[in-house]
């Protein structure tokens, strides 16, 4: 597992030995960022289920202005922080030890708490890659849809196993719309944007 390109190109990242953590393989990560192309530059990136940080670190290496990583497992978070240090990208990163759903629910609660004023936290790209087969991707997508985290031009990318697709597309989103999806073996990437009717 390595940084594919950008300012930290070629740096090897530490991998976890934790069951349930599944870092994205380099081939899929390369394909993802080929799709995103220059859209990553100067963005605020949220790696919602951060793991060891492979995707968010790649975004930083390719010019993202800032990345926030949410990770509940402290041992995995420690590896994530080590990877940020290895790549020299820690100065543009925020790491939060906590539950991704609580993070989203806090953002959601801000929507109507003060007359609809948006949260101070917004992200141009939100990456959602939770543990498989636990319906977490669908739950996260629904919370993002009703939160203030994503601006009008924002993008949400959901990484799941193809068998989980039906549960994700069944989410009754009011703002987010599925605009593209790409399958790479046992990995499916789904791209959502806010589309004005």
C-alpha atoms as a PDB file:
ATOM      1  CA  UNK A   1       0.000   0.000   0.000  1.00  0.00           C
ATOM      2  CA  UNK A   2       1.528   3.273  -1.142  1.00  0.00           C
ATOM      3  CA  UNK A   3       0.780   6.824  -2.210  1.00  0.00           C
ATOM      4  CA  UNK A   4       0.205   6.626  -5.957  1.00  0.00           C
ATOM      5  CA  UNK A   5       1.094  10.145  -7.066  1.00  0.00           C
ATOM      6  CA  UNK A   6       1.519  13.752  -6.000  1.00  0.00           C
ATOM      7  CA  UNK A   7       3.891  15.278  -3.469  1.00  0.00           C
ATOM      8  CA  UNK A   8       4.133  12.079  -1.387  1.00  0.00           C
ATOM      9  CA  UNK A   9       4.330   9.745  -4.411  1.00  0.00           C
ATOM     10  CA  UNK A  10       5.806   6.341  -3.692  1.00  0.00           C
ATOM     11  CA  UNK A  11       5.725   6.610   0.105  1.00  0.00           C
ATOM     12  CA  UNK A  12       4.771   3.280   1.616  1.00  0.00           C
ATOM     13  CA  UNK A  13       1.936   3.370   4.122  1.00  0.00           C
ATOM     14  CA  UNK A  14       1.675   1.206   7.195  1.00  0.00           C
ATOM     15  CA  UNK A  15      -1.157  -1.317   7.098  1.00  0.00           C
ATOM     16  CA  UNK A  16      -3.246  -2.569  10.035  1.00  0.00           C
ATOM     17  CA  UNK A  17      -3.488  -6.077  11.367  1.00  0.00           C
ATOM     18  CA  UNK A  18      -6.988  -5.358  12.604  1.00  0.00           C
ATOM     19  CA  UNK A  19      -9.846  -7.573  11.466  1.00  0.00           C
ATOM     20  CA  UNK A  20     -12.491  -5.559   9.643  1.00  0.00           C
ATOM     21  CA  UNK A  21     -10.169  -2.832   8.352  1.00  0.00           C
ATOM     22  CA  UNK A  22      -9.887  -3.139   4.569  1.00  0.00           C
ATOM     23  CA  UNK A  23      -7.602  -0.572   2.948  1.00  0.00           C
ATOM     24  CA  UNK A  24      -8.452   0.214  -0.660  1.00  0.00           C
ATOM     25  CA  UNK A  25      -6.143  -1.540  -3.102  1.00  0.00           C
ATOM     26  CA  UNK A  26      -3.813   0.672  -5.134  1.00  0.00           C
ATOM     27  CA  UNK A  27      -5.462  -0.258  -8.459  1.00  0.00           C
ATOM     28  CA  UNK A  28      -8.872   0.965  -7.286  1.00  0.00           C
ATOM     29  CA  UNK A  29      -7.386   4.040  -5.637  1.00  0.00           C
ATOM     30  CA  UNK A  30      -5.610   4.935  -8.885  1.00  0.00           C
ATOM     31  CA  UNK A  31      -8.849   4.514 -10.845  1.00  0.00           C
ATOM     32  CA  UNK A  32     -10.762   6.650  -8.329  1.00  0.00           C
ATOM     33  CA  UNK A  33      -8.363   9.556  -8.521  1.00  0.00           C
ATOM     34  CA  UNK A  34      -8.156   9.283 -12.307  1.00  0.00           C
ATOM     35  CA  UNK A  35     -11.931   9.886 -12.295  1.00  0.00           C
ATOM     36  CA  UNK A  36     -11.624  12.794  -9.874  1.00  0.00           C
ATOM     37  CA  UNK A  37      -8.648  14.209 -11.785  1.00  0.00           C
ATOM     38  CA  UNK A  38      -7.984  17.856 -10.899  1.00  0.00           C
ATOM     39  CA  UNK A  39     -11.270  18.097  -8.933  1.00  0.00           C
ATOM     40  CA  UNK A  40      -9.335  17.211  -5.759  1.00  0.00           C
ATOM     41  CA  UNK A  41      -7.074  20.273  -5.804  1.00  0.00           C
ATOM     42  CA  UNK A  42      -7.769  22.865  -3.090  1.00  0.00           C
ATOM     43  CA  UNK A  43     -10.716  20.867  -1.697  1.00  0.00           C
ATOM     44  CA  UNK A  44     -11.697  20.070   1.854  1.00  0.00           C
ATOM     45  CA  UNK A  45     -11.812  16.260   2.027  1.00  0.00           C
ATOM     46  CA  UNK A  46     -13.615  14.124   4.638  1.00  0.00           C
ATOM     47  CA  UNK A  47     -12.460  10.501   4.998  1.00  0.00           C
ATOM     48  CA  UNK A  48     -15.404   9.395   7.107  1.00  0.00           C
ATOM     49  CA  UNK A  49     -14.243   5.894   8.057  1.00  0.00           C
ATOM     50  CA  UNK A  50     -10.580   6.807   7.930  1.00  0.00           C
ATOM     51  CA  UNK A  51      -8.878   3.490   8.576  1.00  0.00           C
ATOM     52  CA  UNK A  52      -5.153   4.012   8.031  1.00  0.00           C
ATOM     53  CA  UNK A  53      -5.865   7.052   5.855  1.00  0.00           C
ATOM     54  CA  UNK A  54      -4.963   5.747   2.414  1.00  0.00           C
ATOM     55  CA  UNK A  55      -7.654   7.656   0.486  1.00  0.00           C
ATOM     56  CA  UNK A  56      -7.483  10.934   2.395  1.00  0.00           C
ATOM     57  CA  UNK A  57      -3.682  10.891   2.259  1.00  0.00           C
ATOM     58  CA  UNK A  58      -3.843  10.363  -1.503  1.00  0.00           C
ATOM     59  CA  UNK A  59      -6.161  13.381  -1.741  1.00  0.00           C
ATOM     60  CA  UNK A  60      -3.693  15.497   0.251  1.00  0.00           C
ATOM     61  CA  UNK A  61      -0.811  14.302  -1.894  1.00  0.00           C
ATOM     62  CA  UNK A  62      -2.757  15.367  -4.988  1.00  0.00           C
ATOM     63  CA  UNK A  63      -3.381  18.878  -3.722  1.00  0.00           C
ATOM     64  CA  UNK A  64      -6.365  18.828  -1.375  1.00  0.00           C
ATOM     65  CA  UNK A  65      -6.203  21.848   0.932  1.00  0.00           C
ATOM     66  CA  UNK A  66      -7.248  19.903   4.032  1.00  0.00           C
ATOM     67  CA  UNK A  67      -8.442  16.443   5.059  1.00  0.00           C
ATOM     68  CA  UNK A  68     -10.378  15.303   8.108  1.00  0.00           C
ATOM     69  CA  UNK A  69     -10.190  11.652   9.144  1.00  0.00           C
ATOM     70  CA  UNK A  70     -12.695  10.006  11.502  1.00  0.00           C
ATOM     71  CA  UNK A  71     -11.608   6.691  13.026  1.00  0.00           C
ATOM     72  CA  UNK A  72     -13.108   4.884  16.020  1.00  0.00           C
ATOM     73  CA  UNK A  73     -10.400   2.235  16.584  1.00  0.00           C
ATOM     74  CA  UNK A  74      -7.567   3.930  18.443  1.00  0.00           C
ATOM     75  CA  UNK A  75      -4.910   1.428  17.304  1.00  0.00           C
ATOM     76  CA  UNK A  76      -5.868   2.048  13.678  1.00  0.00           C
ATOM     77  CA  UNK A  77      -5.971   5.812  14.281  1.00  0.00           C
ATOM     78  CA  UNK A  78      -2.419   5.618  15.618  1.00  0.00           C
ATOM     79  CA  UNK A  79      -1.298   3.999  12.345  1.00  0.00           C
ATOM     80  CA  UNK A  80      -3.182   6.689  10.405  1.00  0.00           C
ATOM     81  CA  UNK A  81      -1.290   9.392  12.293  1.00  0.00           C
ATOM     82  CA  UNK A  82       1.997   7.582  11.629  1.00  0.00           C
ATOM     83  CA  UNK A  83       1.147   7.480   7.917  1.00  0.00           C
ATOM     84  CA  UNK A  84       0.486  11.222   7.908  1.00  0.00           C
ATOM     85  CA  UNK A  85       3.901  11.728   9.510  1.00  0.00           C
ATOM     86  CA  UNK A  86       5.590   9.382   7.011  1.00  0.00           C
ATOM     87  CA  UNK A  87       4.134  11.315   4.095  1.00  0.00           C
ATOM     88  CA  UNK A  88       4.792  14.751   5.584  1.00  0.00           C
ATOM     89  CA  UNK A  89       1.129  15.725   5.186  1.00  0.00           C
ATOM     90  CA  UNK A  90       0.071  15.995   8.832  1.00  0.00           C
ATOM     91  CA  UNK A  91       0.054  19.804   8.784  1.00  0.00           C
ATOM     92  CA  UNK A  92      -2.972  19.789   6.461  1.00  0.00           C
ATOM     93  CA  UNK A  93      -4.843  17.021   8.275  1.00  0.00           C
ATOM     94  CA  UNK A  94      -7.192  16.676  11.230  1.00  0.00           C
ATOM     95  CA  UNK A  95      -7.646  13.291  12.896  1.00  0.00           C
ATOM     96  CA  UNK A  96     -10.654  12.627  15.122  1.00  0.00           C
ATOM     97  CA  UNK A  97     -10.921   9.628  17.412  1.00  0.00           C
ATOM     98  CA  UNK A  98     -14.638   8.965  17.373  1.00  0.00           C
ATOM     99  CA  UNK A  99     -17.678   7.385  15.824  1.00  0.00           C
ATOM    100  CA  UNK A 100     -18.487   8.439  12.249  1.00  0.00           C
ATOM    101  CA  UNK A 101     -22.247   8.335  12.862  1.00  0.00           C
ATOM    102  CA  UNK A 102     -22.022  10.572  15.921  1.00  0.00           C
ATOM    103  CA  UNK A 103     -19.955  12.986  13.846  1.00  0.00           C
ATOM    104  CA  UNK A 104     -22.658  13.025  11.149  1.00  0.00           C
ATOM    105  CA  UNK A 105     -25.497  13.288  13.661  1.00  0.00           C
ATOM    106  CA  UNK A 106     -23.851  16.329  15.228  1.00  0.00           C
ATOM    107  CA  UNK A 107     -23.712  17.975  11.807  1.00  0.00           C
ATOM    108  CA  UNK A 108     -27.325  16.961  11.134  1.00  0.00           C
ATOM    109  CA  UNK A 109     -28.530  18.419  14.431  1.00  0.00           C
ATOM    110  CA  UNK A 110     -27.155  21.805  13.402  1.00  0.00           C
ATOM    111  CA  UNK A 111     -29.490  22.041  10.414  1.00  0.00           C
ATOM    112  CA  UNK A 112     -32.547  23.196  12.343  1.00  0.00           C
ATOM    113  CA  UNK A 113     -31.038  24.048  15.703  1.00  0.00           C
ATOM    114  CA  UNK A 114     -30.442  27.683  14.826  1.00  0.00           C
ATOM    115  CA  UNK A 115     -32.939  28.444  12.104  1.00  0.00           C
ATOM    116  CA  UNK A 116     -31.132  26.556   9.389  1.00  0.00           C
ATOM    117  CA  UNK A 117     -27.779  28.290   9.587  1.00  0.00           C
ATOM    118  CA  UNK A 118     -25.164  25.971   8.054  1.00  0.00           C
ATOM    119  CA  UNK A 119     -22.546  24.213  10.135  1.00  0.00           C
ATOM    120  CA  UNK A 120     -19.056  25.697  10.180  1.00  0.00           C
ATOM    121  CA  UNK A 121     -17.809  22.333   8.889  1.00  0.00           C
ATOM    122  CA  UNK A 122     -18.206  21.763   5.159  1.00  0.00           C
ATOM    123  CA  UNK A 123     -16.397  19.377   2.832  1.00  0.00           C
ATOM    124  CA  UNK A 124     -16.142  19.412  -0.943  1.00  0.00           C
ATOM    125  CA  UNK A 125     -15.616  15.638  -1.117  1.00  0.00           C
ATOM    126  CA  UNK A 126     -16.823  13.059   1.410  1.00  0.00           C
ATOM    127  CA  UNK A 127     -15.477   9.511   1.137  1.00  0.00           C
ATOM    128  CA  UNK A 128     -17.551   6.759   2.757  1.00  0.00           C
ATOM    129  CA  UNK A 129     -15.916   3.326   3.065  1.00  0.00           C
ATOM    130  CA  UNK A 130     -17.269   1.576   6.181  1.00  0.00           C
ATOM    131  CA  UNK A 131     -16.889  -2.074   7.209  1.00  0.00           C
ATOM    132  CA  UNK A 132     -18.771  -4.351   4.813  1.00  0.00           C
ATOM    133  CA  UNK A 133     -22.177  -6.014   5.208  1.00  0.00           C
ATOM    134  CA  UNK A 134     -23.359  -3.956   8.188  1.00  0.00           C
ATOM    135  CA  UNK A 135     -25.579  -1.468   6.292  1.00  0.00           C
ATOM    136  CA  UNK A 136     -23.303   1.331   7.451  1.00  0.00           C
ATOM    137  CA  UNK A 137     -22.892   2.872   4.001  1.00  0.00           C
ATOM    138  CA  UNK A 138     -26.648   3.332   3.599  1.00  0.00           C
ATOM    139  CA  UNK A 139     -26.966   4.827   7.078  1.00  0.00           C
ATOM    140  CA  UNK A 140     -24.063   7.230   6.488  1.00  0.00           C
ATOM    141  CA  UNK A 141     -25.446   8.322   3.119  1.00  0.00           C
ATOM    142  CA  UNK A 142     -28.825   9.162   4.635  1.00  0.00           C
ATOM    143  CA  UNK A 143     -27.204  11.231   7.389  1.00  0.00           C
ATOM    144  CA  UNK A 144     -25.009  13.095   4.895  1.00  0.00           C
ATOM    145  CA  UNK A 145     -28.080  13.811   2.760  1.00  0.00           C
ATOM    146  CA  UNK A 146     -29.754  15.627   5.652  1.00  0.00           C
ATOM    147  CA  UNK A 147     -26.619  17.326   7.019  1.00  0.00           C
ATOM    148  CA  UNK A 148     -25.003  20.658   6.231  1.00  0.00           C
ATOM    149  CA  UNK A 149     -21.593  19.094   5.603  1.00  0.00           C
ATOM    150  CA  UNK A 150     -21.781  19.153   1.806  1.00  0.00           C
ATOM    151  CA  UNK A 151     -22.016  22.371  -0.245  1.00  0.00           C
ATOM    152  CA  UNK A 152     -24.079  22.561  -3.450  1.00  0.00           C
ATOM    153  CA  UNK A 153     -21.126  21.579  -5.635  1.00  0.00           C
ATOM    154  CA  UNK A 154     -20.015  18.772  -3.316  1.00  0.00           C
ATOM    155  CA  UNK A 155     -19.394  15.103  -4.053  1.00  0.00           C
ATOM    156  CA  UNK A 156     -19.987  11.973  -1.980  1.00  0.00           C
ATOM    157  CA  UNK A 157     -18.201   8.744  -2.912  1.00  0.00           C
ATOM    158  CA  UNK A 158     -19.409   5.484  -1.379  1.00  0.00           C
ATOM    159  CA  UNK A 159     -17.133   2.422  -1.475  1.00  0.00           C
ATOM    160  CA  UNK A 160     -18.943  -0.889  -0.932  1.00  0.00           C
ATOM    161  CA  UNK A 161     -19.031  -4.513  -2.035  1.00  0.00           C
ATOM    162  CA  UNK A 162     -21.337  -4.857  -5.068  1.00  0.00           C
ATOM    163  CA  UNK A 163     -23.685  -7.078  -3.024  1.00  0.00           C
ATOM    164  CA  UNK A 164     -24.461  -4.064  -0.825  1.00  0.00           C
ATOM    165  CA  UNK A 165     -25.616  -1.898  -3.743  1.00  0.00           C
ATOM    166  CA  UNK A 166     -29.354  -2.558  -3.375  1.00  0.00           C
ATOM    167  CA  UNK A 167     -29.359  -1.321   0.207  1.00  0.00           C
ATOM    168  CA  UNK A 168     -27.513   1.874  -0.707  1.00  0.00           C
ATOM    169  CA  UNK A 169     -29.651   2.825  -3.734  1.00  0.00           C
ATOM    170  CA  UNK A 170     -32.761   2.257  -1.606  1.00  0.00           C
ATOM    171  CA  UNK A 171     -31.814   5.155   0.688  1.00  0.00           C
ATOM    172  CA  UNK A 172     -34.525   7.836   0.323  1.00  0.00           C
ATOM    173  CA  UNK A 173     -32.245  10.817  -0.340  1.00  0.00           C
ATOM    174  CA  UNK A 174     -33.798  14.237  -0.884  1.00  0.00           C
ATOM    175  CA  UNK A 175     -30.676  16.154  -1.951  1.00  0.00           C
ATOM    176  CA  UNK A 176     -28.150  13.592  -3.160  1.00  0.00           C
ATOM    177  CA  UNK A 177     -28.474  11.822  -6.510  1.00  0.00           C
ATOM    178  CA  UNK A 178     -26.464   8.882  -7.846  1.00  0.00           C
ATOM    179  CA  UNK A 179     -24.636  10.210 -10.917  1.00  0.00           C
ATOM    180  CA  UNK A 180     -22.083   7.480 -11.638  1.00  0.00           C
ATOM    181  CA  UNK A 181     -20.826   4.130 -10.431  1.00  0.00           C
ATOM    182  CA  UNK A 182     -17.785   2.023 -11.264  1.00  0.00           C
ATOM    183  CA  UNK A 183     -17.052  -1.566 -10.366  1.00  0.00           C
ATOM    184  CA  UNK A 184     -13.547  -2.976  -9.894  1.00  0.00           C
ATOM    185  CA  UNK A 185     -13.856  -6.655  -8.998  1.00  0.00           C
ATOM    186  CA  UNK A 186     -15.264  -6.835  -5.464  1.00  0.00           C
ATOM    187  CA  UNK A 187     -15.232  -3.041  -5.030  1.00  0.00           C
ATOM    188  CA  UNK A 188     -18.034  -0.744  -6.167  1.00  0.00           C
ATOM    189  CA  UNK A 189     -17.625   3.044  -6.140  1.00  0.00           C
ATOM    190  CA  UNK A 190     -20.831   5.095  -6.198  1.00  0.00           C
ATOM    191  CA  UNK A 191     -20.749   8.850  -6.869  1.00  0.00           C
ATOM    192  CA  UNK A 192     -23.447  11.157  -5.485  1.00  0.00           C
ATOM    193  CA  UNK A 193     -23.973  14.874  -6.088  1.00  0.00           C
ATOM    194  CA  UNK A 194     -26.546  17.466  -5.085  1.00  0.00           C
ATOM    195  CA  UNK A 195     -28.672  18.133  -8.148  1.00  0.00           C
ATOM    196  CA  UNK A 196     -31.084  21.033  -8.181  1.00  0.00           C
ATOM    197  CA  UNK A 197     -34.478  20.054  -9.562  1.00  0.00           C
END
